[in-house]
Amino acid sequence: MTDASWNTLVSVDALAAALGDPGLRLFDARAVAAITPGGPDPAKLYAHSHLPGAQYADLDRDLSDHSITGQGRHPLPQAEALARRLGEWGVAPHHQVVFYDAGDGSMAAARGWWLLKLMGHERVAVLDGGLAAWRAAGLAETATVEMPQALPPYPASGFDRSRIAGVEEVASRLGEAPGWLIDARGGERFRGEVEPIDPVAGHVPGAINRPFAQNLHEGRFRSAEALRAELLPLLHGRAASDAVLMCGSGVTACHLLLAMEHAGLPGVKVYAGSWSGWISDPSRPVATGGA
């Protein structure tokens, strides 16, 4: 459990070998219904079958706070609430945490990974390929729910708000040269050709598009070298720490953030409200078209 690579991605084989380790905390973060309305209920899918030892992390209940308005479809939870939830899950700073999703585009695992990074937790990773890769390897699943002993709230004093971009920062940077804002939605949504979820189509003026699906090959993350070769030019010479990522509601932007960390481009911010937060104020400008 000491491999340094466990702070971005972990392979199916490595995770399988670690099952049963008392220092492992494993979370099922399937969230198809929460991201794409009308999809199957991920909580029911978890109850039916999941990785041994996994707890369920609900995108809406655990990894978002819907009591907050004007900050998009998946507002970030408050640090203190997240700290309490981590304690209930039995997570302490020394644990190795792994999130997984279905491996079919339900990218809430990356959201869980980012939230723990914001809390200052270093040993947190995402299962590369998710449940689909686990099943392809013929590995065991279970319907048994195992709950570690609850702990006091996770220390919230290290919550790093500097890695979160607010709407004020995004609005203040409109007009800057390209490379500061990267949108992880699919191209057709970015261009405003279709909008199946949000009430307004288009993108923040000045943003460039990098669909998160391009981070993957056959369901798994592409190599760090391949990703770096594609992601670095998007910054147009900027330092990674000067860039901001967004998407529809602050979930798949985390997938792009994970890809950048994997590629050796750390320090990028995420605009947590993302497109759904941006359009909550109709006075904010909207652009359409583009590459």
C-alpha atoms as a PDB file:
ATOM      1  CA  MET A   1       0.000   0.000   0.000  1.00  0.00           C
ATOM      2  CA  THR A   2       2.978   2.347  -0.313  1.00  0.00           C
ATOM      3  CA  ASP A   3       3.216   2.654  -4.106  1.00  0.00           C
ATOM      4  CA  ALA A   4       3.453   6.370  -4.952  1.00  0.00           C
ATOM      5  CA  SER A   5       1.265   5.845  -8.029  1.00  0.00           C
ATOM      6  CA  TRP A   6      -1.697   5.344  -5.716  1.00  0.00           C
ATOM      7  CA  ASN A   7      -2.322   9.071  -5.679  1.00  0.00           C
ATOM      8  CA  THR A   8      -3.726   9.166  -9.234  1.00  0.00           C
ATOM      9  CA  LEU A   9      -4.610   5.794 -10.780  1.00  0.00           C
ATOM     10  CA  VAL A  10      -4.449   2.205  -9.578  1.00  0.00           C
ATOM     11  CA  SER A  11      -4.656  -0.859 -11.804  1.00  0.00           C
ATOM     12  CA  VAL A  12      -7.159  -3.678 -11.416  1.00  0.00           C
ATOM     13  CA  ASP A  13      -4.373  -6.127 -10.586  1.00  0.00           C
ATOM     14  CA  ALA A  14      -2.872  -3.886  -7.904  1.00  0.00           C
ATOM     15  CA  LEU A  15      -6.229  -3.246  -6.273  1.00  0.00           C
ATOM     16  CA  ALA A  16      -7.169  -6.921  -6.359  1.00  0.00           C
ATOM     17  CA  ALA A  17      -3.944  -7.766  -4.541  1.00  0.00           C
ATOM     18  CA  ALA A  18      -4.741  -5.172  -1.850  1.00  0.00           C
ATOM     19  CA  LEU A  19      -8.297  -6.262  -1.024  1.00  0.00           C
ATOM     20  CA  GLY A  20      -8.573  -7.086   2.642  1.00  0.00           C
ATOM     21  CA  ASP A  21      -5.773  -4.737   3.650  1.00  0.00           C
ATOM     22  CA  PRO A  22      -6.976  -2.957   6.808  1.00  0.00           C
ATOM     23  CA  GLY A  23      -5.482   0.287   5.534  1.00  0.00           C
ATOM     24  CA  LEU A  24      -7.624   0.287   2.376  1.00  0.00           C
ATOM     25  CA  ARG A  25     -10.853   2.262   2.064  1.00  0.00           C
ATOM     26  CA  LEU A  26     -12.716   1.469  -1.155  1.00  0.00           C
ATOM     27  CA  PHE A  27     -15.676   3.417  -2.567  1.00  0.00           C
ATOM     28  CA  ASP A  28     -18.176   2.646  -5.297  1.00  0.00           C
ATOM     29  CA  ALA A  29     -19.060   5.979  -6.916  1.00  0.00           C
ATOM     30  CA  ARG A  30     -21.303   4.887  -9.757  1.00  0.00           C
ATOM     31  CA  ALA A  31     -23.529   7.826 -10.619  1.00  0.00           C
ATOM     32  CA  VAL A  32     -25.177   7.297 -13.997  1.00  0.00           C
ATOM     33  CA  ALA A  33     -28.627   8.476 -12.893  1.00  0.00           C
ATOM     34  CA  ALA A  34     -27.211  11.564 -11.188  1.00  0.00           C
ATOM     35  CA  ILE A  35     -25.277  12.678 -14.271  1.00  0.00           C
ATOM     36  CA  THR A  36     -27.664  11.487 -16.994  1.00  0.00           C
ATOM     37  CA  PRO A  37     -31.309  11.590 -15.852  1.00  0.00           C
ATOM     38  CA  GLY A  38     -33.203   8.443 -16.695  1.00  0.00           C
ATOM     39  CA  GLY A  39     -30.255   6.117 -16.205  1.00  0.00           C
ATOM     40  CA  PRO A  40     -30.279   3.149 -13.831  1.00  0.00           C
ATOM     41  CA  ASP A  41     -30.236   3.811 -10.092  1.00  0.00           C
ATOM     42  CA  PRO A  42     -26.567   3.436  -9.107  1.00  0.00           C
ATOM     43  CA  ALA A  43     -27.369   2.815  -5.435  1.00  0.00           C
ATOM     44  CA  LYS A  44     -29.464  -0.199  -6.416  1.00  0.00           C
ATOM     45  CA  LEU A  45     -26.695  -1.432  -8.694  1.00  0.00           C
ATOM     46  CA  TYR A  46     -24.264  -1.150  -5.786  1.00  0.00           C
ATOM     47  CA  ALA A  47     -26.608  -3.041  -3.445  1.00  0.00           C
ATOM     48  CA  HIS A  48     -26.887  -5.837  -5.990  1.00  0.00           C
ATOM     49  CA  SER A  49     -23.145  -6.258  -6.559  1.00  0.00           C
ATOM     50  CA  HIS A  50     -19.945  -4.347  -5.842  1.00  0.00           C
ATOM     51  CA  LEU A  51     -16.260  -4.863  -5.151  1.00  0.00           C
ATOM     52  CA  PRO A  52     -15.563  -6.624  -1.855  1.00  0.00           C
ATOM     53  CA  GLY A  53     -15.195  -4.126   0.974  1.00  0.00           C
ATOM     54  CA  ALA A  54     -16.541  -1.174  -1.022  1.00  0.00           C
ATOM     55  CA  GLN A  55     -18.811   1.428   0.541  1.00  0.00           C
ATOM     56  CA  TYR A  56     -21.168   3.493  -1.598  1.00  0.00           C
ATOM     57  CA  ALA A  57     -20.365   7.171  -2.216  1.00  0.00           C
ATOM     58  CA  ASP A  58     -23.408   8.929  -3.615  1.00  0.00           C
ATOM     59  CA  LEU A  59     -22.668  11.837  -5.939  1.00  0.00           C
ATOM     60  CA  ASP A  60     -25.736  13.788  -4.849  1.00  0.00           C
ATOM     61  CA  ARG A  61     -25.830  12.940  -1.150  1.00  0.00           C
ATOM     62  CA  ASP A  62     -22.127  12.584  -0.253  1.00  0.00           C
ATOM     63  CA  LEU A  63     -20.076  14.351  -2.929  1.00  0.00           C
ATOM     64  CA  SER A  64     -22.386  17.355  -3.450  1.00  0.00           C
ATOM     65  CA  ASP A  65     -24.507  19.690  -1.336  1.00  0.00           C
ATOM     66  CA  HIS A  66     -27.815  20.489  -3.011  1.00  0.00           C
ATOM     67  CA  SER A  67     -28.804  22.934  -0.292  1.00  0.00           C
ATOM     68  CA  ILE A  68     -26.441  25.394  -2.012  1.00  0.00           C
ATOM     69  CA  THR A  69     -27.963  27.365  -4.886  1.00  0.00           C
ATOM     70  CA  GLY A  70     -26.451  29.190  -7.839  1.00  0.00           C
ATOM     71  CA  GLN A  71     -23.351  27.001  -7.937  1.00  0.00           C
ATOM     72  CA  GLY A  72     -24.386  24.442 -10.508  1.00  0.00           C
ATOM     73  CA  ARG A  73     -26.081  21.071 -10.536  1.00  0.00           C
ATOM     74  CA  HIS A  74     -23.541  19.488  -8.175  1.00  0.00           C
ATOM     75  CA  PRO A  75     -22.426  22.133  -5.662  1.00  0.00           C
ATOM     76  CA  LEU A  76     -19.387  21.218  -3.599  1.00  0.00           C
ATOM     77  CA  PRO A  77     -20.068  20.041  -0.049  1.00  0.00           C
ATOM     78  CA  GLN A  78     -18.790  22.202   2.775  1.00  0.00           C
ATOM     79  CA  ALA A  79     -15.456  21.046   4.177  1.00  0.00           C
ATOM     80  CA  GLU A  80     -16.931  20.343   7.609  1.00  0.00           C
ATOM     81  CA  ALA A  81     -19.748  18.207   6.170  1.00  0.00           C
ATOM     82  CA  LEU A  82     -17.291  16.258   4.043  1.00  0.00           C
ATOM     83  CA  ALA A  83     -15.051  15.786   7.084  1.00  0.00           C
ATOM     84  CA  ARG A  84     -17.949  14.306   9.049  1.00  0.00           C
ATOM     85  CA  ARG A  85     -18.871  11.968   6.199  1.00  0.00           C
ATOM     86  CA  LEU A  86     -15.293  10.742   5.853  1.00  0.00           C
ATOM     87  CA  GLY A  87     -15.227  10.013   9.562  1.00  0.00           C
ATOM     88  CA  GLU A  88     -18.468   8.046   9.280  1.00  0.00           C
ATOM     89  CA  TRP A  89     -16.862   6.066   6.460  1.00  0.00           C
ATOM     90  CA  GLY A  90     -13.883   5.280   8.683  1.00  0.00           C
ATOM     91  CA  VAL A  91     -11.392   7.328   6.677  1.00  0.00           C
ATOM     92  CA  ALA A  92      -8.350   8.843   8.382  1.00  0.00           C
ATOM     93  CA  PRO A  93      -5.346  10.625   6.819  1.00  0.00           C
ATOM     94  CA  HIS A  94      -3.200   7.463   6.814  1.00  0.00           C
ATOM     95  CA  HIS A  95      -5.642   5.332   4.823  1.00  0.00           C
ATOM     96  CA  GLN A  96      -5.230   4.434   1.170  1.00  0.00           C
ATOM     97  CA  VAL A  97      -8.498   5.448  -0.477  1.00  0.00           C
ATOM     98  CA  VAL A  98      -9.657   4.193  -3.888  1.00  0.00           C
ATOM     99  CA  PHE A  99     -12.752   5.292  -5.776  1.00  0.00           C
ATOM    100  CA  TYR A 100     -14.219   3.443  -8.718  1.00  0.00           C
ATOM    101  CA  ASP A 101     -17.142   4.022 -11.040  1.00  0.00           C
ATOM    102  CA  ALA A 102     -18.858   1.911 -13.666  1.00  0.00           C
ATOM    103  CA  GLY A 103     -16.159   2.571 -16.224  1.00  0.00           C
ATOM    104  CA  ASP A 104     -18.769   3.655 -18.769  1.00  0.00           C
ATOM    105  CA  GLY A 105     -18.652   7.414 -18.428  1.00  0.00           C
ATOM    106  CA  SER A 106     -20.016   7.753 -14.858  1.00  0.00           C
ATOM    107  CA  MET A 107     -17.012   9.741 -13.754  1.00  0.00           C
ATOM    108  CA  ALA A 108     -17.974  10.547 -10.163  1.00  0.00           C
ATOM    109  CA  ALA A 109     -14.953   8.521  -9.009  1.00  0.00           C
ATOM    110  CA  ALA A 110     -12.753  11.392 -10.131  1.00  0.00           C
ATOM    111  CA  ARG A 111     -14.960  13.809  -8.189  1.00  0.00           C
ATOM    112  CA  GLY A 112     -14.409  11.773  -5.016  1.00  0.00           C
ATOM    113  CA  TRP A 113     -10.672  11.713  -5.714  1.00  0.00           C
ATOM    114  CA  TRP A 114     -10.587  15.510  -6.094  1.00  0.00           C
ATOM    115  CA  LEU A 115     -12.576  16.146  -2.929  1.00  0.00           C
ATOM    116  CA  LEU A 116     -10.111  14.121  -0.874  1.00  0.00           C
ATOM    117  CA  LYS A 117      -7.226  15.931  -2.553  1.00  0.00           C
ATOM    118  CA  LEU A 118      -8.849  19.210  -1.508  1.00  0.00           C
ATOM    119  CA  MET A 119      -8.951  17.887   2.060  1.00  0.00           C
ATOM    120  CA  GLY A 120      -5.192  17.324   1.866  1.00  0.00           C
ATOM    121  CA  HIS A 121      -5.415  13.539   1.559  1.00  0.00           C
ATOM    122  CA  GLU A 122      -2.474  12.273  -0.479  1.00  0.00           C
ATOM    123  CA  ARG A 123      -3.147   8.543  -0.716  1.00  0.00           C
ATOM    124  CA  VAL A 124      -6.248   8.547  -2.892  1.00  0.00           C
ATOM    125  CA  ALA A 125      -6.599   7.073  -6.370  1.00  0.00           C
ATOM    126  CA  VAL A 126      -9.137   6.055  -9.002  1.00  0.00           C
ATOM    127  CA  LEU A 127      -9.437   2.500 -10.290  1.00  0.00           C
ATOM    128  CA  ASP A 128      -8.322   2.651 -13.909  1.00  0.00           C
ATOM    129  CA  GLY A 129     -11.115   1.254 -16.068  1.00  0.00           C
ATOM    130  CA  GLY A 130     -13.556   1.082 -13.167  1.00  0.00           C
ATOM    131  CA  LEU A 131     -15.997  -1.743 -12.622  1.00  0.00           C
ATOM    132  CA  ALA A 132     -15.962  -2.630 -16.313  1.00  0.00           C
ATOM    133  CA  ALA A 133     -12.241  -3.439 -16.151  1.00  0.00           C
ATOM    134  CA  TRP A 134     -12.726  -5.372 -12.897  1.00  0.00           C
ATOM    135  CA  ARG A 135     -15.410  -7.518 -14.498  1.00  0.00           C
ATOM    136  CA  ALA A 136     -13.389  -7.998 -17.654  1.00  0.00           C
ATOM    137  CA  ALA A 137     -10.672  -9.496 -15.456  1.00  0.00           C
ATOM    138  CA  GLY A 138     -13.203 -11.949 -13.977  1.00  0.00           C
ATOM    139  CA  LEU A 139     -12.653 -10.751 -10.415  1.00  0.00           C
ATOM    140  CA  ALA A 140     -15.002 -11.297  -7.485  1.00  0.00           C
ATOM    141  CA  GLU A 141     -17.949  -9.122  -6.501  1.00  0.00           C
ATOM    142  CA  THR A 142     -20.321  -9.293  -3.567  1.00  0.00           C
ATOM    143  CA  ALA A 143     -23.645  -7.981  -2.289  1.00  0.00           C
ATOM    144  CA  THR A 144     -22.325  -7.867   1.284  1.00  0.00           C
ATOM    145  CA  VAL A 145     -21.877  -4.383   2.721  1.00  0.00           C
ATOM    146  CA  GLU A 146     -18.899  -4.034   5.067  1.00  0.00           C
ATOM    147  CA  MET A 147     -18.694  -0.868   7.149  1.00  0.00           C
ATOM    148  CA  PRO A 148     -15.410  -0.013   8.886  1.00  0.00           C
ATOM    149  CA  GLN A 149     -15.603   1.386  12.389  1.00  0.00           C
ATOM    150  CA  ALA A 150     -16.589   5.037  12.326  1.00  0.00           C
ATOM    151  CA  LEU A 151     -13.948   7.569  13.274  1.00  0.00           C
ATOM    152  CA  PRO A 152     -13.973  11.212  14.382  1.00  0.00           C
ATOM    153  CA  PRO A 153     -14.420  13.749  11.578  1.00  0.00           C
ATOM    154  CA  TYR A 154     -11.515  13.956   9.145  1.00  0.00           C
ATOM    155  CA  PRO A 155      -9.277  16.995   9.831  1.00  0.00           C
ATOM    156  CA  ALA A 156     -10.782  19.816   7.787  1.00  0.00           C
ATOM    157  CA  SER A 157      -8.139  22.430   8.510  1.00  0.00           C
ATOM    158  CA  GLY A 158      -6.156  21.483   5.405  1.00  0.00           C
ATOM    159  CA  PHE A 159      -9.025  22.055   2.957  1.00  0.00           C
ATOM    160  CA  ASP A 160      -7.356  23.792  -0.011  1.00  0.00           C
ATOM    161  CA  ARG A 161      -9.760  26.359  -1.403  1.00  0.00           C
ATOM    162  CA  SER A 162      -7.008  27.750  -3.631  1.00  0.00           C
ATOM    163  CA  ARG A 163      -7.589  24.827  -6.007  1.00  0.00           C
ATOM    164  CA  ILE A 164     -11.228  25.845  -6.537  1.00  0.00           C
ATOM    165  CA  ALA A 165     -12.050  28.554  -9.057  1.00  0.00           C
ATOM    166  CA  GLY A 166     -15.152  30.590  -8.254  1.00  0.00           C
ATOM    167  CA  VAL A 167     -17.409  32.366 -10.690  1.00  0.00           C
ATOM    168  CA  GLU A 168     -15.801  35.708  -9.806  1.00  0.00           C
ATOM    169  CA  GLU A 169     -12.399  34.472 -10.954  1.00  0.00           C
ATOM    170  CA  VAL A 170     -13.802  33.085 -14.195  1.00  0.00           C
ATOM    171  CA  ALA A 171     -15.712  36.283 -14.928  1.00  0.00           C
ATOM    172  CA  SER A 172     -12.658  38.427 -14.216  1.00  0.00           C
ATOM    173  CA  ARG A 173     -10.559  36.511 -16.741  1.00  0.00           C
ATOM    174  CA  LEU A 174     -12.888  36.811 -19.715  1.00  0.00           C
ATOM    175  CA  GLY A 175     -10.895  38.234 -22.599  1.00  0.00           C
ATOM    176  CA  GLU A 176      -7.610  36.577 -21.686  1.00  0.00           C
ATOM    177  CA  ALA A 177      -5.774  34.713 -24.432  1.00  0.00           C
ATOM    178  CA  PRO A 178      -6.785  31.046 -24.889  1.00  0.00           C
ATOM    179  CA  GLY A 179      -5.372  28.424 -22.573  1.00  0.00           C
ATOM    180  CA  TRP A 180      -6.706  29.579 -19.213  1.00  0.00           C
ATOM    181  CA  LEU A 181     -10.116  27.831 -19.359  1.00  0.00           C
ATOM    182  CA  ILE A 182     -10.652  24.291 -20.655  1.00  0.00           C
ATOM    183  CA  ASP A 183     -14.118  22.729 -20.932  1.00  0.00           C
ATOM    184  CA  ALA A 184     -14.334  18.929 -20.614  1.00  0.00           C
ATOM    185  CA  ARG A 185     -17.801  18.474 -22.130  1.00  0.00           C
ATOM    186  CA  GLY A 186     -18.416  16.794 -25.453  1.00  0.00           C
ATOM    187  CA  GLY A 187     -17.860  18.968 -28.489  1.00  0.00           C
ATOM    188  CA  GLU A 188     -21.502  19.163 -29.512  1.00  0.00           C
ATOM    189  CA  ARG A 189     -22.489  20.514 -26.090  1.00  0.00           C
ATOM    190  CA  PHE A 190     -19.542  22.908 -25.980  1.00  0.00           C
ATOM    191  CA  ARG A 191     -20.493  24.328 -29.383  1.00  0.00           C
ATOM    192  CA  GLY A 192     -24.121  24.663 -28.336  1.00  0.00           C
ATOM    193  CA  GLU A 193     -25.433  22.309 -31.003  1.00  0.00           C
ATOM    194  CA  VAL A 194     -27.266  20.207 -28.401  1.00  0.00           C
ATOM    195  CA  GLU A 195     -27.961  20.586 -24.693  1.00  0.00           C
ATOM    196  CA  PRO A 196     -29.676  17.575 -23.122  1.00  0.00           C
ATOM    197  CA  ILE A 197     -29.305  18.652 -19.473  1.00  0.00           C
ATOM    198  CA  ASP A 198     -28.914  22.391 -18.906  1.00  0.00           C
ATOM    199  CA  PRO A 199     -31.437  25.089 -19.967  1.00  0.00           C
ATOM    200  CA  VAL A 200     -28.918  27.113 -21.989  1.00  0.00           C
ATOM    201  CA  ALA A 201     -26.534  25.796 -24.647  1.00  0.00           C
ATOM    202  CA  GLY A 202     -23.020  26.998 -25.374  1.00  0.00           C
ATOM    203  CA  HIS A 203     -19.860  27.751 -23.408  1.00  0.00           C
ATOM    204  CA  VAL A 204     -18.054  30.437 -21.450  1.00  0.00           C
ATOM    205  CA  PRO A 205     -16.443  32.905 -23.886  1.00  0.00           C
ATOM    206  CA  GLY A 206     -12.743  32.210 -24.269  1.00  0.00           C
ATOM    207  CA  ALA A 207     -12.915  28.563 -23.227  1.00  0.00           C
ATOM    208  CA  ILE A 208     -11.373  25.837 -25.354  1.00  0.00           C
ATOM    209  CA  ASN A 209     -12.754  22.325 -25.595  1.00  0.00           C
ATOM    210  CA  ARG A 210     -11.121  19.057 -24.527  1.00  0.00           C
ATOM    211  CA  PRO A 211     -13.767  16.312 -24.179  1.00  0.00           C
ATOM    212  CA  PHE A 212     -12.905  14.131 -21.185  1.00  0.00           C
ATOM    213  CA  ALA A 213     -13.557  10.967 -23.215  1.00  0.00           C
ATOM    214  CA  GLN A 214     -10.368  11.705 -25.157  1.00  0.00           C
ATOM    215  CA  ASN A 215      -8.406  10.862 -22.006  1.00  0.00           C
ATOM    216  CA  LEU A 216      -9.328   7.210 -22.455  1.00  0.00           C
ATOM    217  CA  HIS A 217      -8.505   4.314 -24.726  1.00  0.00           C
ATOM    218  CA  GLU A 218     -10.776   1.297 -24.506  1.00  0.00           C
ATOM    219  CA  GLY A 219     -12.111   2.517 -21.157  1.00  0.00           C
ATOM    220  CA  ARG A 220      -8.761   3.111 -19.462  1.00  0.00           C
ATOM    221  CA  PHE A 221      -6.587   6.187 -19.167  1.00  0.00           C
ATOM    222  CA  ARG A 222      -4.071   6.623 -21.903  1.00  0.00           C
ATOM    223  CA  SER A 223      -0.402   6.689 -20.989  1.00  0.00           C
ATOM    224  CA  ALA A 224       0.995   9.668 -19.123  1.00  0.00           C
ATOM    225  CA  GLU A 225       3.240  10.425 -22.096  1.00  0.00           C
ATOM    226  CA  ALA A 226       0.394  10.402 -24.614  1.00  0.00           C
ATOM    227  CA  LEU A 227      -1.799  12.571 -22.419  1.00  0.00           C
ATOM    228  CA  ARG A 228       0.964  15.070 -21.745  1.00  0.00           C
ATOM    229  CA  ALA A 229       1.643  15.422 -25.477  1.00  0.00           C
ATOM    230  CA  GLU A 230      -1.999  16.389 -26.046  1.00  0.00           C
ATOM    231  CA  LEU A 231      -2.772  18.357 -22.893  1.00  0.00           C
ATOM    232  CA  LEU A 232       0.325  20.525 -22.638  1.00  0.00           C
ATOM    233  CA  PRO A 233      -0.380  22.423 -25.899  1.00  0.00           C
ATOM    234  CA  LEU A 234      -3.852  23.327 -24.606  1.00  0.00           C
ATOM    235  CA  LEU A 235      -2.214  25.565 -22.011  1.00  0.00           C
ATOM    236  CA  HIS A 236      -0.664  27.736 -24.746  1.00  0.00           C
ATOM    237  CA  GLY A 237       2.501  28.200 -22.728  1.00  0.00           C
ATOM    238  CA  ARG A 238       0.807  28.825 -19.398  1.00  0.00           C
ATOM    239  CA  ALA A 239       1.778  27.051 -16.197  1.00  0.00           C
ATOM    240  CA  ALA A 240      -0.726  24.365 -15.269  1.00  0.00           C
ATOM    241  CA  SER A 241      -1.454  26.241 -12.033  1.00  0.00           C
ATOM    242  CA  ASP A 242      -2.736  29.174 -14.121  1.00  0.00           C
ATOM    243  CA  ALA A 243      -5.418  27.085 -15.839  1.00  0.00           C
ATOM    244  CA  VAL A 244      -9.022  26.331 -14.887  1.00  0.00           C
ATOM    245  CA  LEU A 245     -11.073  23.287 -15.861  1.00  0.00           C
ATOM    246  CA  MET A 246     -14.848  23.136 -16.179  1.00  0.00           C
ATOM    247  CA  CYS A 247     -17.620  20.926 -17.558  1.00  0.00           C
ATOM    248  CA  GLY A 248     -21.387  20.806 -17.090  1.00  0.00           C
ATOM    249  CA  SER A 249     -21.569  20.550 -13.307  1.00  0.00           C
ATOM    250  CA  GLY A 250     -18.039  20.099 -11.975  1.00  0.00           C
ATOM    251  CA  VAL A 251     -17.860  16.303 -12.257  1.00  0.00           C
ATOM    252  CA  THR A 252     -16.208  15.377 -15.551  1.00  0.00           C
ATOM    253  CA  ALA A 253     -13.868  18.344 -15.117  1.00  0.00           C
ATOM    254  CA  CYS A 254     -12.369  16.263 -12.302  1.00  0.00           C
ATOM    255  CA  HIS A 255     -11.733  13.480 -14.811  1.00  0.00           C
ATOM    256  CA  LEU A 256      -9.735  15.929 -16.928  1.00  0.00           C
ATOM    257  CA  LEU A 257      -7.935  17.108 -13.791  1.00  0.00           C
ATOM    258  CA  LEU A 258      -7.013  13.498 -13.007  1.00  0.00           C
ATOM    259  CA  ALA A 259      -5.677  13.082 -16.535  1.00  0.00           C
ATOM    260  CA  MET A 260      -3.532  16.185 -16.131  1.00  0.00           C
ATOM    261  CA  GLU A 261      -2.166  14.970 -12.797  1.00  0.00           C
ATOM    262  CA  HIS A 262      -1.445  11.591 -14.383  1.00  0.00           C
ATOM    263  CA  ALA A 263       0.350  13.417 -17.203  1.00  0.00           C
ATOM    264  CA  GLY A 264       2.577  15.340 -14.792  1.00  0.00           C
ATOM    265  CA  LEU A 265       0.670  18.630 -15.068  1.00  0.00           C
ATOM    266  CA  PRO A 266      -0.413  19.280 -11.458  1.00  0.00           C
ATOM    267  CA  GLY A 267      -1.955  22.314  -9.838  1.00  0.00           C
ATOM    268  CA  VAL A 268      -4.829  23.038 -12.217  1.00  0.00           C
ATOM    269  CA  LYS A 269      -7.970  24.545 -10.671  1.00  0.00           C
ATOM    270  CA  VAL A 270     -11.544  23.369 -11.201  1.00  0.00           C
ATOM    271  CA  TYR A 271     -14.441  25.783 -11.657  1.00  0.00           C
ATOM    272  CA  ALA A 272     -16.799  23.821  -9.431  1.00  0.00           C
ATOM    273  CA  GLY A 273     -20.003  25.523 -10.595  1.00  0.00           C
ATOM    274  CA  SER A 274     -19.062  24.947 -14.226  1.00  0.00           C
ATOM    275  CA  TRP A 275     -21.551  25.567 -17.034  1.00  0.00           C
ATOM    276  CA  SER A 276     -24.682  24.965 -14.943  1.00  0.00           C
ATOM    277  CA  GLY A 277     -23.409  27.461 -12.385  1.00  0.00           C
ATOM    278  CA  TRP A 278     -22.354  30.003 -15.000  1.00  0.00           C
ATOM    279  CA  ILE A 279     -25.800  30.141 -16.617  1.00  0.00           C
ATOM    280  CA  SER A 280     -27.600  30.508 -13.271  1.00  0.00           C
ATOM    281  CA  ASP A 281     -27.178  34.253 -13.841  1.00  0.00           C
ATOM    282  CA  PRO A 282     -28.651  35.185 -17.247  1.00  0.00           C
ATOM    283  CA  SER A 283     -26.536  38.343 -17.403  1.00  0.00           C
ATOM    284  CA  ARG A 284     -23.359  36.290 -17.884  1.00  0.00           C
ATOM    285  CA  PRO A 285     -22.170  36.043 -21.497  1.00  0.00           C
ATOM    286  CA  VAL A 286     -22.546  32.879 -23.543  1.00  0.00           C
ATOM    287  CA  ALA A 287     -20.679  31.813 -26.666  1.00  0.00           C
ATOM    288  CA  THR A 288     -21.518  29.147 -29.244  1.00  0.00           C
ATOM    289  CA  GLY A 289     -19.636  27.479 -32.070  1.00  0.00           C
ATOM    290  CA  GLY A 290     -15.893  26.972 -32.043  1.00  0.00           C
ATOM    291  CA  ALA A 291     -13.752  23.875 -32.436  1.00  0.00           C
END
